PDB file of N, CA and C in Angstrom:
ATOM      1  N   UNK A   1     -46.458  -7.374 -28.953  1.00  0.00           N
ATOM      2  CA  UNK A   1     -45.068  -7.728 -28.755  1.00  0.00           C
ATOM      3  C   UNK A   1     -44.784  -7.689 -27.261  1.00  0.00           C
ATOM      4  N   UNK A   2     -44.143  -8.710 -26.760  1.00  0.00           N
ATOM      5  CA  UNK A   2     -43.826  -8.742 -25.336  1.00  0.00           C
ATOM      6  C   UNK A   2     -42.519  -8.028 -25.080  1.00  0.00           C
ATOM      7  N   UNK A   3     -42.303  -7.637 -23.884  1.00  0.00           N
ATOM      8  CA  UNK A   3     -41.102  -6.892 -23.527  1.00  0.00           C
ATOM      9  C   UNK A   3     -39.863  -7.763 -23.416  1.00  0.00           C
ATOM     10  N   UNK A   4     -39.994  -9.109 -23.430  1.00  0.00           N
ATOM     11  CA  UNK A   4     -38.831  -9.970 -23.253  1.00  0.00           C
ATOM     12  C   UNK A   4     -38.093 -10.273 -24.553  1.00  0.00           C
ATOM     13  N   UNK A   5     -38.719 -10.031 -25.682  1.00  0.00           N
ATOM     14  CA  UNK A   5     -38.075 -10.313 -26.967  1.00  0.00           C
ATOM     15  C   UNK A   5     -37.340  -9.079 -27.473  1.00  0.00           C
ATOM     16  N   UNK A   6     -36.099  -9.254 -27.913  1.00  0.00           N
ATOM     17  CA  UNK A   6     -35.385  -8.108 -28.505  1.00  0.00           C
ATOM     18  C   UNK A   6     -36.058  -7.702 -29.816  1.00  0.00           C
ATOM     19  N   UNK A   7     -36.010  -6.445 -30.094  1.00  0.00           N
ATOM     20  CA  UNK A   7     -36.617  -5.934 -31.322  1.00  0.00           C
ATOM     21  C   UNK A   7     -35.815  -6.414 -32.526  1.00  0.00           C
ATOM     22  N   UNK A   8     -36.506  -6.884 -33.570  1.00  0.00           N
ATOM     23  CA  UNK A   8     -35.858  -7.289 -34.810  1.00  0.00           C
ATOM     24  C   UNK A   8     -35.425  -8.744 -34.842  1.00  0.00           C
ATOM     25  N   UNK A   9     -35.701  -9.516 -33.807  1.00  0.00           N
ATOM     26  CA  UNK A   9     -35.308 -10.924 -33.820  1.00  0.00           C
ATOM     27  C   UNK A   9     -36.416 -11.721 -34.470  1.00  0.00           C
ATOM     28  N   UNK A  10     -36.077 -12.402 -35.502  1.00  0.00           N
ATOM     29  CA  UNK A  10     -37.034 -13.218 -36.247  1.00  0.00           C
ATOM     30  C   UNK A  10     -36.501 -14.641 -36.234  1.00  0.00           C
ATOM     31  N   UNK A  11     -37.312 -15.604 -35.869  1.00  0.00           N
ATOM     32  CA  UNK A  11     -36.827 -16.979 -35.764  1.00  0.00           C
ATOM     33  C   UNK A  11     -36.286 -17.512 -37.079  1.00  0.00           C
ATOM     34  N   UNK A  12     -36.825 -17.081 -38.176  1.00  0.00           N
ATOM     35  CA  UNK A  12     -36.349 -17.569 -39.465  1.00  0.00           C
ATOM     36  C   UNK A  12     -35.075 -16.884 -39.907  1.00  0.00           C
ATOM     37  N   UNK A  13     -34.719 -15.831 -39.255  1.00  0.00           N
ATOM     38  CA  UNK A  13     -33.493 -15.114 -39.614  1.00  0.00           C
ATOM     39  C   UNK A  13     -32.258 -15.768 -39.001  1.00  0.00           C
ATOM     40  N   UNK A  14     -32.468 -16.732 -38.132  1.00  0.00           N
ATOM     41  CA  UNK A  14     -31.332 -17.416 -37.524  1.00  0.00           C
ATOM     42  C   UNK A  14     -30.620 -18.225 -38.603  1.00  0.00           C
ATOM     43  N   UNK A  15     -29.336 -18.018 -38.713  1.00  0.00           N
ATOM     44  CA  UNK A  15     -28.558 -18.705 -39.752  1.00  0.00           C
ATOM     45  C   UNK A  15     -28.407 -20.177 -39.391  1.00  0.00           C
ATOM     46  N   UNK A  16     -28.604 -21.032 -40.366  1.00  0.00           N
ATOM     47  CA  UNK A  16     -28.377 -22.452 -40.148  1.00  0.00           C
ATOM     48  C   UNK A  16     -27.042 -22.818 -40.764  1.00  0.00           C
ATOM     49  N   UNK A  17     -26.309 -23.669 -40.062  1.00  0.00           N
ATOM     50  CA  UNK A  17     -25.009 -24.100 -40.557  1.00  0.00           C
ATOM     51  C   UNK A  17     -25.209 -25.162 -41.609  1.00  0.00           C
ATOM     52  N   UNK A  18     -24.516 -25.005 -42.672  1.00  0.00           N
ATOM     53  CA  UNK A  18     -24.553 -26.018 -43.724  1.00  0.00           C
ATOM     54  C   UNK A  18     -23.483 -27.048 -43.397  1.00  0.00           C
ATOM     55  N   UNK A  19     -23.828 -28.293 -43.602  1.00  0.00           N
ATOM     56  CA  UNK A  19     -22.868 -29.362 -43.362  1.00  0.00           C
ATOM     57  C   UNK A  19     -21.869 -29.396 -44.503  1.00  0.00           C
ATOM     58  N   UNK A  20     -20.625 -29.472 -44.145  1.00  0.00           N
ATOM     59  CA  UNK A  20     -19.582 -29.559 -45.150  1.00  0.00           C
ATOM     60  C   UNK A  20     -19.594 -30.963 -45.731  1.00  0.00           C
ATOM     61  N   UNK A  21     -19.655 -31.033 -47.030  1.00  0.00           N
ATOM     62  CA  UNK A  21     -19.694 -32.327 -47.694  1.00  0.00           C
ATOM     63  C   UNK A  21     -18.281 -32.902 -47.758  1.00  0.00           C
ATOM     64  N   UNK A  22     -18.159 -34.167 -47.357  1.00  0.00           N
ATOM     65  CA  UNK A  22     -16.861 -34.824 -47.411  1.00  0.00           C
ATOM     66  C   UNK A  22     -16.486 -35.080 -48.862  1.00  0.00           C
ATOM     67  N   UNK A  23     -15.198 -34.941 -49.190  1.00  0.00           N
ATOM     68  CA  UNK A  23     -14.791 -35.211 -50.572  1.00  0.00           C
ATOM     69  C   UNK A  23     -15.006 -36.685 -50.909  1.00  0.00           C
ATOM     70  N   UNK A  24     -15.341 -36.930 -52.151  1.00  0.00           N
ATOM     71  CA  UNK A  24     -15.552 -38.297 -52.607  1.00  0.00           C
ATOM     72  C   UNK A  24     -14.261 -39.091 -52.455  1.00  0.00           C
ATOM     73  N   UNK A  25     -14.384 -40.330 -52.065  1.00  0.00           N
ATOM     74  CA  UNK A  25     -13.229 -41.202 -51.872  1.00  0.00           C
ATOM     75  C   UNK A  25     -13.002 -42.027 -53.136  1.00  0.00           C
ATOM     76  N   UNK A  26     -11.735 -42.271 -53.437  1.00  0.00           N
ATOM     77  CA  UNK A  26     -11.335 -43.032 -54.619  1.00  0.00           C
ATOM     78  C   UNK A  26     -10.473 -44.196 -54.189  1.00  0.00           C
ATOM     79  N   UNK A  27     -10.700 -45.339 -54.799  1.00  0.00           N
ATOM     80  CA  UNK A  27      -9.896 -46.508 -54.475  1.00  0.00           C
ATOM     81  C   UNK A  27      -8.888 -46.768 -55.583  1.00  0.00           C
ATOM     82  N   UNK A  28      -7.702 -47.173 -55.159  1.00  0.00           N
ATOM     83  CA  UNK A  28      -6.647 -47.561 -56.095  1.00  0.00           C
ATOM     84  C   UNK A  28      -6.754 -49.074 -56.250  1.00  0.00           C
ATOM     85  N   UNK A  29      -6.906 -49.519 -57.502  1.00  0.00           N
ATOM     86  CA  UNK A  29      -7.144 -50.925 -57.790  1.00  0.00           C
ATOM     87  C   UNK A  29      -5.985 -51.485 -58.606  1.00  0.00           C
ATOM     88  N   UNK A  30      -5.471 -52.639 -58.164  1.00  0.00           N
ATOM     89  CA  UNK A  30      -4.456 -53.373 -58.922  1.00  0.00           C
ATOM     90  C   UNK A  30      -5.176 -54.490 -59.672  1.00  0.00           C
ATOM     91  N   UNK A  31      -4.805 -54.673 -60.942  1.00  0.00           N
ATOM     92  CA  UNK A  31      -5.453 -55.677 -61.792  1.00  0.00           C
ATOM     93  C   UNK A  31      -4.487 -56.816 -62.108  1.00  0.00           C
ATOM     94  N   UNK A  32      -5.033 -58.003 -62.199  1.00  0.00           N
ATOM     95  CA  UNK A  32      -4.236 -59.188 -62.478  1.00  0.00           C
ATOM     96  C   UNK A  32      -3.764 -59.221 -63.932  1.00  0.00           C
ATOM     97  N   UNK A  33      -2.599 -59.774 -64.136  1.00  0.00           N
ATOM     98  CA  UNK A  33      -2.101 -60.074 -65.480  1.00  0.00           C
ATOM     99  C   UNK A  33      -1.243 -61.326 -65.378  1.00  0.00           C
ATOM    100  N   UNK A  34      -0.814 -61.827 -66.494  1.00  0.00           N
ATOM    101  CA  UNK A  34      -0.056 -63.082 -66.504  1.00  0.00           C
ATOM    102  C   UNK A  34       1.455 -62.890 -66.344  1.00  0.00           C
ATOM    103  N   UNK A  35       1.918 -61.648 -66.209  1.00  0.00           N
ATOM    104  CA  UNK A  35       3.364 -61.405 -66.220  1.00  0.00           C
ATOM    105  C   UNK A  35       3.926 -60.751 -64.973  1.00  0.00           C
ATOM    106  N   UNK A  36       3.158 -59.897 -64.311  1.00  0.00           N
ATOM    107  CA  UNK A  36       3.655 -59.227 -63.112  1.00  0.00           C
ATOM    108  C   UNK A  36       3.788 -60.245 -61.990  1.00  0.00           C
ATOM    109  N   UNK A  37       4.947 -60.277 -61.360  1.00  0.00           N
ATOM    110  CA  UNK A  37       5.174 -61.275 -60.309  1.00  0.00           C
ATOM    111  C   UNK A  37       4.422 -60.921 -59.033  1.00  0.00           C
ATOM    112  N   UNK A  38       4.088 -61.956 -58.291  1.00  0.00           N
ATOM    113  CA  UNK A  38       3.412 -61.770 -57.005  1.00  0.00           C
ATOM    114  C   UNK A  38       4.320 -61.014 -56.041  1.00  0.00           C
ATOM    115  N   UNK A  39       5.607 -61.294 -56.107  1.00  0.00           N
ATOM    116  CA  UNK A  39       6.566 -60.624 -55.231  1.00  0.00           C
ATOM    117  C   UNK A  39       6.602 -59.120 -55.496  1.00  0.00           C
ATOM    118  N   UNK A  40       6.523 -58.744 -56.780  1.00  0.00           N
ATOM    119  CA  UNK A  40       6.530 -57.328 -57.120  1.00  0.00           C
ATOM    120  C   UNK A  40       5.280 -56.647 -56.581  1.00  0.00           C
ATOM    121  N   UNK A  41       4.127 -57.297 -56.714  1.00  0.00           N
ATOM    122  CA  UNK A  41       2.871 -56.728 -56.215  1.00  0.00           C
ATOM    123  C   UNK A  41       2.957 -56.527 -54.701  1.00  0.00           C
ATOM    124  N   UNK A  42       3.469 -57.510 -53.995  1.00  0.00           N
ATOM    125  CA  UNK A  42       3.615 -57.389 -52.543  1.00  0.00           C
ATOM    126  C   UNK A  42       4.550 -56.228 -52.201  1.00  0.00           C
ATOM    127  N   UNK A  43       5.663 -56.113 -52.908  1.00  0.00           N
ATOM    128  CA  UNK A  43       6.608 -55.028 -52.602  1.00  0.00           C
ATOM    129  C   UNK A  43       6.000 -53.654 -52.885  1.00  0.00           C
ATOM    130  N   UNK A  44       5.207 -53.536 -53.946  1.00  0.00           N
ATOM    131  CA  UNK A  44       4.529 -52.269 -54.263  1.00  0.00           C
ATOM    132  C   UNK A  44       3.532 -51.917 -53.158  1.00  0.00           C
ATOM    133  N   UNK A  45       2.777 -52.900 -52.708  1.00  0.00           N
ATOM    134  CA  UNK A  45       1.787 -52.657 -51.657  1.00  0.00           C
ATOM    135  C   UNK A  45       2.451 -52.217 -50.354  1.00  0.00           C
ATOM    136  N   UNK A  46       3.578 -52.783 -50.040  1.00  0.00           N
ATOM    137  CA  UNK A  46       4.288 -52.404 -48.828  1.00  0.00           C
ATOM    138  C   UNK A  46       4.900 -51.013 -48.952  1.00  0.00           C
ATOM    139  N   UNK A  47       5.504 -50.744 -50.091  1.00  0.00           N
ATOM    140  CA  UNK A  47       6.234 -49.497 -50.287  1.00  0.00           C
ATOM    141  C   UNK A  47       5.317 -48.299 -50.524  1.00  0.00           C
ATOM    142  N   UNK A  48       4.323 -48.444 -51.390  1.00  0.00           N
ATOM    143  CA  UNK A  48       3.482 -47.302 -51.768  1.00  0.00           C
ATOM    144  C   UNK A  48       2.200 -47.167 -50.944  1.00  0.00           C
ATOM    145  N   UNK A  49       1.778 -48.252 -50.299  1.00  0.00           N
ATOM    146  CA  UNK A  49       0.499 -48.225 -49.590  1.00  0.00           C
ATOM    147  C   UNK A  49       0.638 -48.561 -48.103  1.00  0.00           C
ATOM    148  N   UNK A  50       1.877 -48.649 -47.618  1.00  0.00           N
ATOM    149  CA  UNK A  50       2.170 -48.878 -46.200  1.00  0.00           C
ATOM    150  C   UNK A  50       1.466 -50.115 -45.644  1.00  0.00           C
ATOM    151  N   UNK A  51       1.422 -51.176 -46.435  1.00  0.00           N
ATOM    152  CA  UNK A  51       0.805 -52.434 -45.993  1.00  0.00           C
ATOM    153  C   UNK A  51       1.849 -53.275 -45.262  1.00  0.00           C
ATOM    154  N   UNK A  52       1.382 -54.013 -44.277  1.00  0.00           N
ATOM    155  CA  UNK A  52       2.250 -54.976 -43.604  1.00  0.00           C
ATOM    156  C   UNK A  52       2.442 -56.171 -44.542  1.00  0.00           C
ATOM    157  N   UNK A  53       3.335 -57.077 -44.174  1.00  0.00           N
ATOM    158  CA  UNK A  53       3.528 -58.285 -44.991  1.00  0.00           C
ATOM    159  C   UNK A  53       2.212 -59.041 -45.165  1.00  0.00           C
ATOM    160  N   UNK A  54       1.478 -59.211 -44.071  1.00  0.00           N
ATOM    161  CA  UNK A  54       0.217 -59.965 -44.129  1.00  0.00           C
ATOM    162  C   UNK A  54      -0.830 -59.253 -44.981  1.00  0.00           C
ATOM    163  N   UNK A  55      -0.962 -57.927 -44.809  1.00  0.00           N
ATOM    164  CA  UNK A  55      -1.943 -57.173 -45.593  1.00  0.00           C
ATOM    165  C   UNK A  55      -1.588 -57.198 -47.077  1.00  0.00           C
ATOM    166  N   UNK A  56      -0.308 -57.004 -47.383  1.00  0.00           N
ATOM    167  CA  UNK A  56       0.135 -56.999 -48.775  1.00  0.00           C
ATOM    168  C   UNK A  56      -0.099 -58.355 -49.424  1.00  0.00           C
ATOM    169  N   UNK A  57       0.169 -59.414 -48.700  1.00  0.00           N
ATOM    170  CA  UNK A  57      -0.053 -60.757 -49.228  1.00  0.00           C
ATOM    171  C   UNK A  57      -1.546 -60.997 -49.469  1.00  0.00           C
ATOM    172  N   UNK A  58      -2.384 -60.528 -48.554  1.00  0.00           N
ATOM    173  CA  UNK A  58      -3.830 -60.687 -48.698  1.00  0.00           C
ATOM    174  C   UNK A  58      -4.342 -59.980 -49.957  1.00  0.00           C
ATOM    175  N   UNK A  59      -3.928 -58.728 -50.156  1.00  0.00           N
ATOM    176  CA  UNK A  59      -4.363 -57.978 -51.345  1.00  0.00           C
ATOM    177  C   UNK A  59      -3.819 -58.637 -52.610  1.00  0.00           C
ATOM    178  N   UNK A  60      -2.557 -59.064 -52.578  1.00  0.00           N
ATOM    179  CA  UNK A  60      -1.966 -59.733 -53.733  1.00  0.00           C
ATOM    180  C   UNK A  60      -2.766 -60.982 -54.099  1.00  0.00           C
ATOM    181  N   UNK A  61      -3.196 -61.743 -53.106  1.00  0.00           N
ATOM    182  CA  UNK A  61      -3.984 -62.946 -53.383  1.00  0.00           C
ATOM    183  C   UNK A  61      -5.361 -62.594 -53.952  1.00  0.00           C
ATOM    184  N   UNK A  62      -5.935 -61.484 -53.515  1.00  0.00           N
ATOM    185  CA  UNK A  62      -7.198 -61.029 -54.116  1.00  0.00           C
ATOM    186  C   UNK A  62      -6.990 -60.695 -55.588  1.00  0.00           C
ATOM    187  N   UNK A  63      -5.898 -60.004 -55.882  1.00  0.00           N
ATOM    188  CA  UNK A  63      -5.587 -59.670 -57.270  1.00  0.00           C
ATOM    189  C   UNK A  63      -5.439 -60.952 -58.083  1.00  0.00           C
ATOM    190  N   UNK A  64      -4.712 -61.901 -57.544  1.00  0.00           N
ATOM    191  CA  UNK A  64      -4.432 -63.154 -58.248  1.00  0.00           C
ATOM    192  C   UNK A  64      -5.691 -64.006 -58.433  1.00  0.00           C
ATOM    193  N   UNK A  65      -6.506 -64.122 -57.392  1.00  0.00           N
ATOM    194  CA  UNK A  65      -7.666 -65.017 -57.432  1.00  0.00           C
ATOM    195  C   UNK A  65      -8.922 -64.366 -58.031  1.00  0.00           C
ATOM    196  N   UNK A  66      -9.136 -63.094 -57.742  1.00  0.00           N
ATOM    197  CA  UNK A  66     -10.365 -62.411 -58.190  1.00  0.00           C
ATOM    198  C   UNK A  66     -10.162 -61.498 -59.385  1.00  0.00           C
ATOM    199  N   UNK A  67      -8.908 -61.284 -59.751  1.00  0.00           N
ATOM    200  CA  UNK A  67      -8.636 -60.433 -60.906  1.00  0.00           C
ATOM    201  C   UNK A  67      -8.359 -58.986 -60.574  1.00  0.00           C
ATOM    202  N   UNK A  68      -8.630 -58.594 -59.340  1.00  0.00           N
ATOM    203  CA  UNK A  68      -8.378 -57.225 -58.904  1.00  0.00           C
ATOM    204  C   UNK A  68      -8.385 -57.157 -57.394  1.00  0.00           C
ATOM    205  N   UNK A  69      -7.694 -56.153 -56.869  1.00  0.00           N
ATOM    206  CA  UNK A  69      -7.656 -55.948 -55.426  1.00  0.00           C
ATOM    207  C   UNK A  69      -7.468 -54.479 -55.117  1.00  0.00           C
ATOM    208  N   UNK A  70      -8.105 -54.024 -54.060  1.00  0.00           N
ATOM    209  CA  UNK A  70      -8.021 -52.619 -53.660  1.00  0.00           C
ATOM    210  C   UNK A  70      -6.788 -52.418 -52.788  1.00  0.00           C
ATOM    211  N   UNK A  71      -5.920 -51.546 -53.253  1.00  0.00           N
ATOM    212  CA  UNK A  71      -4.689 -51.257 -52.526  1.00  0.00           C
ATOM    213  C   UNK A  71      -4.911 -50.218 -51.434  1.00  0.00           C
ATOM    214  N   UNK A  72      -5.853 -49.303 -51.653  1.00  0.00           N
ATOM    215  CA  UNK A  72      -6.121 -48.268 -50.662  1.00  0.00           C
ATOM    216  C   UNK A  72      -7.211 -47.338 -51.133  1.00  0.00           C
ATOM    217  N   UNK A  73      -7.730 -46.533 -50.205  1.00  0.00           N
ATOM    218  CA  UNK A  73      -8.792 -45.577 -50.496  1.00  0.00           C
ATOM    219  C   UNK A  73      -8.316 -44.201 -50.050  1.00  0.00           C
ATOM    220  N   UNK A  74      -8.441 -43.225 -50.961  1.00  0.00           N
ATOM    221  CA  UNK A  74      -7.885 -41.900 -50.735  1.00  0.00           C
ATOM    222  C   UNK A  74      -8.775 -40.838 -51.375  1.00  0.00           C
ATOM    223  N   UNK A  75      -8.372 -39.586 -51.216  1.00  0.00           N
ATOM    224  CA  UNK A  75      -9.000 -38.530 -52.001  1.00  0.00           C
ATOM    225  C   UNK A  75      -8.575 -38.729 -53.453  1.00  0.00           C
ATOM    226  N   UNK A  76      -9.268 -38.096 -54.372  1.00  0.00           N
ATOM    227  CA  UNK A  76      -8.995 -38.316 -55.797  1.00  0.00           C
ATOM    228  C   UNK A  76      -7.553 -37.969 -56.173  1.00  0.00           C
ATOM    229  N   UNK A  77      -7.057 -36.841 -55.693  1.00  0.00           N
ATOM    230  CA  UNK A  77      -5.696 -36.421 -56.049  1.00  0.00           C
ATOM    231  C   UNK A  77      -4.644 -37.411 -55.555  1.00  0.00           C
ATOM    232  N   UNK A  78      -4.796 -37.869 -54.336  1.00  0.00           N
ATOM    233  CA  UNK A  78      -3.836 -38.822 -53.780  1.00  0.00           C
ATOM    234  C   UNK A  78      -3.901 -40.146 -54.540  1.00  0.00           C
ATOM    235  N   UNK A  79      -5.124 -40.612 -54.824  1.00  0.00           N
ATOM    236  CA  UNK A  79      -5.291 -41.874 -55.566  1.00  0.00           C
ATOM    237  C   UNK A  79      -4.628 -41.782 -56.940  1.00  0.00           C
ATOM    238  N   UNK A  80      -4.863 -40.687 -57.653  1.00  0.00           N
ATOM    239  CA  UNK A  80      -4.277 -40.544 -58.992  1.00  0.00           C
ATOM    240  C   UNK A  80      -2.760 -40.448 -58.932  1.00  0.00           C
ATOM    241  N   UNK A  81      -2.235 -39.798 -57.900  1.00  0.00           N
ATOM    242  CA  UNK A  81      -0.790 -39.710 -57.736  1.00  0.00           C
ATOM    243  C   UNK A  81      -0.187 -41.092 -57.491  1.00  0.00           C
ATOM    244  N   UNK A  82      -0.854 -41.899 -56.692  1.00  0.00           N
ATOM    245  CA  UNK A  82      -0.369 -43.260 -56.434  1.00  0.00           C
ATOM    246  C   UNK A  82      -0.435 -44.112 -57.695  1.00  0.00           C
ATOM    247  N   UNK A  83      -1.479 -43.950 -58.506  1.00  0.00           N
ATOM    248  CA  UNK A  83      -1.583 -44.686 -59.773  1.00  0.00           C
ATOM    249  C   UNK A  83      -0.384 -44.365 -60.661  1.00  0.00           C
ATOM    250  N   UNK A  84      -0.065 -43.093 -60.784  1.00  0.00           N
ATOM    251  CA  UNK A  84       1.057 -42.671 -61.633  1.00  0.00           C
ATOM    252  C   UNK A  84       2.374 -43.225 -61.101  1.00  0.00           C
ATOM    253  N   UNK A  85       2.596 -43.127 -59.785  1.00  0.00           N
ATOM    254  CA  UNK A  85       3.859 -43.578 -59.198  1.00  0.00           C
ATOM    255  C   UNK A  85       4.043 -45.089 -59.338  1.00  0.00           C
ATOM    256  N   UNK A  86       2.990 -45.850 -59.057  1.00  0.00           N
ATOM    257  CA  UNK A  86       3.098 -47.309 -59.137  1.00  0.00           C
ATOM    258  C   UNK A  86       3.257 -47.756 -60.587  1.00  0.00           C
ATOM    259  N   UNK A  87       2.509 -47.134 -61.488  1.00  0.00           N
ATOM    260  CA  UNK A  87       2.623 -47.488 -62.905  1.00  0.00           C
ATOM    261  C   UNK A  87       4.036 -47.202 -63.423  1.00  0.00           C
ATOM    262  N   UNK A  88       4.601 -46.068 -63.034  1.00  0.00           N
ATOM    263  CA  UNK A  88       5.963 -45.724 -63.460  1.00  0.00           C
ATOM    264  C   UNK A  88       6.972 -46.741 -62.931  1.00  0.00           C
ATOM    265  N   UNK A  89       6.833 -47.126 -61.672  1.00  0.00           N
ATOM    266  CA  UNK A  89       7.758 -48.110 -61.111  1.00  0.00           C
ATOM    267  C   UNK A  89       7.610 -49.462 -61.810  1.00  0.00           C
ATOM    268  N   UNK A  90       6.368 -49.856 -62.079  1.00  0.00           N
ATOM    269  CA  UNK A  90       6.135 -51.137 -62.758  1.00  0.00           C
ATOM    270  C   UNK A  90       6.788 -51.140 -64.142  1.00  0.00           C
ATOM    271  N   UNK A  91       6.628 -50.069 -64.884  1.00  0.00           N
ATOM    272  CA  UNK A  91       7.224 -50.000 -66.222  1.00  0.00           C
ATOM    273  C   UNK A  91       8.738 -50.012 -66.139  1.00  0.00           C
ATOM    274  N   UNK A  92       9.286 -49.323 -65.156  1.00  0.00           N
ATOM    275  CA  UNK A  92      10.732 -49.291 -64.977  1.00  0.00           C
ATOM    276  C   UNK A  92      11.268 -50.698 -64.701  1.00  0.00           C
ATOM    277  N   UNK A  93      10.476 -51.513 -64.015  1.00  0.00           N
ATOM    278  CA  UNK A  93      10.874 -52.883 -63.697  1.00  0.00           C
ATOM    279  C   UNK A  93      10.440 -53.881 -64.779  1.00  0.00           C
ATOM    280  N   UNK A  94       9.847 -53.376 -65.861  1.00  0.00           N
ATOM    281  CA  UNK A  94       9.425 -54.247 -66.955  1.00  0.00           C
ATOM    282  C   UNK A  94       8.152 -55.028 -66.671  1.00  0.00           C
ATOM    283  N   UNK A  95       7.333 -54.531 -65.756  1.00  0.00           N
ATOM    284  CA  UNK A  95       6.085 -55.202 -65.388  1.00  0.00           C
ATOM    285  C   UNK A  95       4.900 -54.473 -66.021  1.00  0.00           C
ATOM    286  N   UNK A  96       3.942 -55.219 -66.588  1.00  0.00           N
ATOM    287  CA  UNK A  96       2.781 -54.588 -67.214  1.00  0.00           C
ATOM    288  C   UNK A  96       1.620 -54.340 -66.250  1.00  0.00           C
ATOM    289  N   UNK A  97       1.878 -54.259 -64.955  1.00  0.00           N
ATOM    290  CA  UNK A  97       0.838 -54.103 -63.939  1.00  0.00           C
ATOM    291  C   UNK A  97      -0.102 -52.951 -64.291  1.00  0.00           C
ATOM    292  N   UNK A  98      -1.402 -53.244 -64.303  1.00  0.00           N
ATOM    293  CA  UNK A  98      -2.417 -52.219 -64.551  1.00  0.00           C
ATOM    294  C   UNK A  98      -2.916 -51.722 -63.203  1.00  0.00           C
ATOM    295  N   UNK A  99      -2.832 -50.412 -62.992  1.00  0.00           N
ATOM    296  CA  UNK A  99      -3.284 -49.769 -61.762  1.00  0.00           C
ATOM    297  C   UNK A  99      -4.270 -48.684 -62.168  1.00  0.00           C
ATOM    298  N   UNK A 100      -5.462 -48.699 -61.554  1.00  0.00           N
ATOM    299  CA  UNK A 100      -6.483 -47.700 -61.870  1.00  0.00           C
ATOM    300  C   UNK A 100      -7.015 -47.081 -60.585  1.00  0.00           C
ATOM    301  N   UNK A 101      -7.721 -45.972 -60.737  1.00  0.00           N
ATOM    302  CA  UNK A 101      -8.452 -45.393 -59.615  1.00  0.00           C
ATOM    303  C   UNK A 101      -9.905 -45.277 -60.024  1.00  0.00           C
ATOM    304  N   UNK A 102     -10.785 -45.480 -59.066  1.00  0.00           N
ATOM    305  CA  UNK A 102     -12.216 -45.397 -59.343  1.00  0.00           C
ATOM    306  C   UNK A 102     -12.934 -44.923 -58.093  1.00  0.00           C
ATOM    307  N   UNK A 103     -14.067 -44.253 -58.279  1.00  0.00           N
ATOM    308  CA  UNK A 103     -14.799 -43.768 -57.114  1.00  0.00           C
ATOM    309  C   UNK A 103     -15.320 -44.929 -56.275  1.00  0.00           C
ATOM    310  N   UNK A 104     -15.311 -44.753 -54.985  1.00  0.00           N
ATOM    311  CA  UNK A 104     -15.819 -45.783 -54.081  1.00  0.00           C
ATOM    312  C   UNK A 104     -17.344 -45.749 -54.107  1.00  0.00           C
ATOM    313  N   UNK A 105     -17.942 -46.911 -54.284  1.00  0.00           N
ATOM    314  CA  UNK A 105     -19.390 -47.029 -54.194  1.00  0.00           C
ATOM    315  C   UNK A 105     -20.180 -46.456 -55.340  1.00  0.00           C
ATOM    316  N   UNK A 106     -19.555 -46.104 -56.413  1.00  0.00           N
ATOM    317  CA  UNK A 106     -20.289 -45.552 -57.540  1.00  0.00           C
ATOM    318  C   UNK A 106     -19.724 -46.038 -58.839  1.00  0.00           C
ATOM    319  N   UNK A 107     -20.539 -46.000 -59.861  1.00  0.00           N
ATOM    320  CA  UNK A 107     -20.076 -46.413 -61.177  1.00  0.00           C
ATOM    321  C   UNK A 107     -20.041 -45.196 -62.084  1.00  0.00           C
ATOM    322  N   UNK A 108     -18.921 -44.507 -62.045  1.00  0.00           N
ATOM    323  CA  UNK A 108     -18.749 -43.343 -62.910  1.00  0.00           C
ATOM    324  C   UNK A 108     -17.655 -43.662 -63.902  1.00  0.00           C
ATOM    325  N   UNK A 109     -17.997 -44.422 -64.909  1.00  0.00           N
ATOM    326  CA  UNK A 109     -16.990 -44.911 -65.840  1.00  0.00           C
ATOM    327  C   UNK A 109     -16.266 -43.782 -66.564  1.00  0.00           C
ATOM    328  N   UNK A 110     -16.897 -42.633 -66.692  1.00  0.00           N
ATOM    329  CA  UNK A 110     -16.217 -41.533 -67.369  1.00  0.00           C
ATOM    330  C   UNK A 110     -15.088 -40.970 -66.521  1.00  0.00           C
ATOM    331  N   UNK A 111     -15.189 -41.095 -65.192  1.00  0.00           N
ATOM    332  CA  UNK A 111     -14.144 -40.581 -64.327  1.00  0.00           C
ATOM    333  C   UNK A 111     -13.286 -41.676 -63.753  1.00  0.00           C
ATOM    334  N   UNK A 112     -13.766 -42.872 -63.660  1.00  0.00           N
ATOM    335  CA  UNK A 112     -13.070 -43.949 -62.987  1.00  0.00           C
ATOM    336  C   UNK A 112     -12.156 -44.759 -63.796  1.00  0.00           C
ATOM    337  N   UNK A 113     -11.903 -45.020 -64.721  1.00  0.00           N
ATOM    338  CA  UNK A 113     -11.031 -45.874 -65.463  1.00  0.00           C
ATOM    339  C   UNK A 113      -9.582 -45.662 -65.212  1.00  0.00           C
ATOM    340  N   UNK A 114      -8.852 -45.818 -66.208  1.00  0.00           N
ATOM    341  CA  UNK A 114      -7.398 -45.730 -66.110  1.00  0.00           C
ATOM    342  C   UNK A 114      -6.988 -44.302 -65.812  1.00  0.00           C
ATOM    343  N   UNK A 115      -6.081 -44.163 -64.898  1.00  0.00           N
ATOM    344  CA  UNK A 115      -5.607 -42.824 -64.556  1.00  0.00           C
ATOM    345  C   UNK A 115      -4.127 -42.715 -64.804  1.00  0.00           C
TER     346      UNK A 115
END
């Protein structure tokens, strides 16, 4: 043992920091139907998802043309809260708009469907 090393220091005893795992992200998806107006979808996107007129119109057109559009990406709790709020407003206005949350980049049908 050399005199420069402190007694009891072992290289493997050095604690390694564990990387904190980021929470999974969830996307809020609006689905197309034959009854919900385009104007209502745009107003929901502006009010609940802080979209500009141009962004809201773009997402609305995705919903209309592709059958679905992503309104935003959030943590699971925030996404589910937005699903509930938008669905409640749609029903209050007599619109059958379907809003779901699903994990980003994964297919977890048991957790992702209707919220």
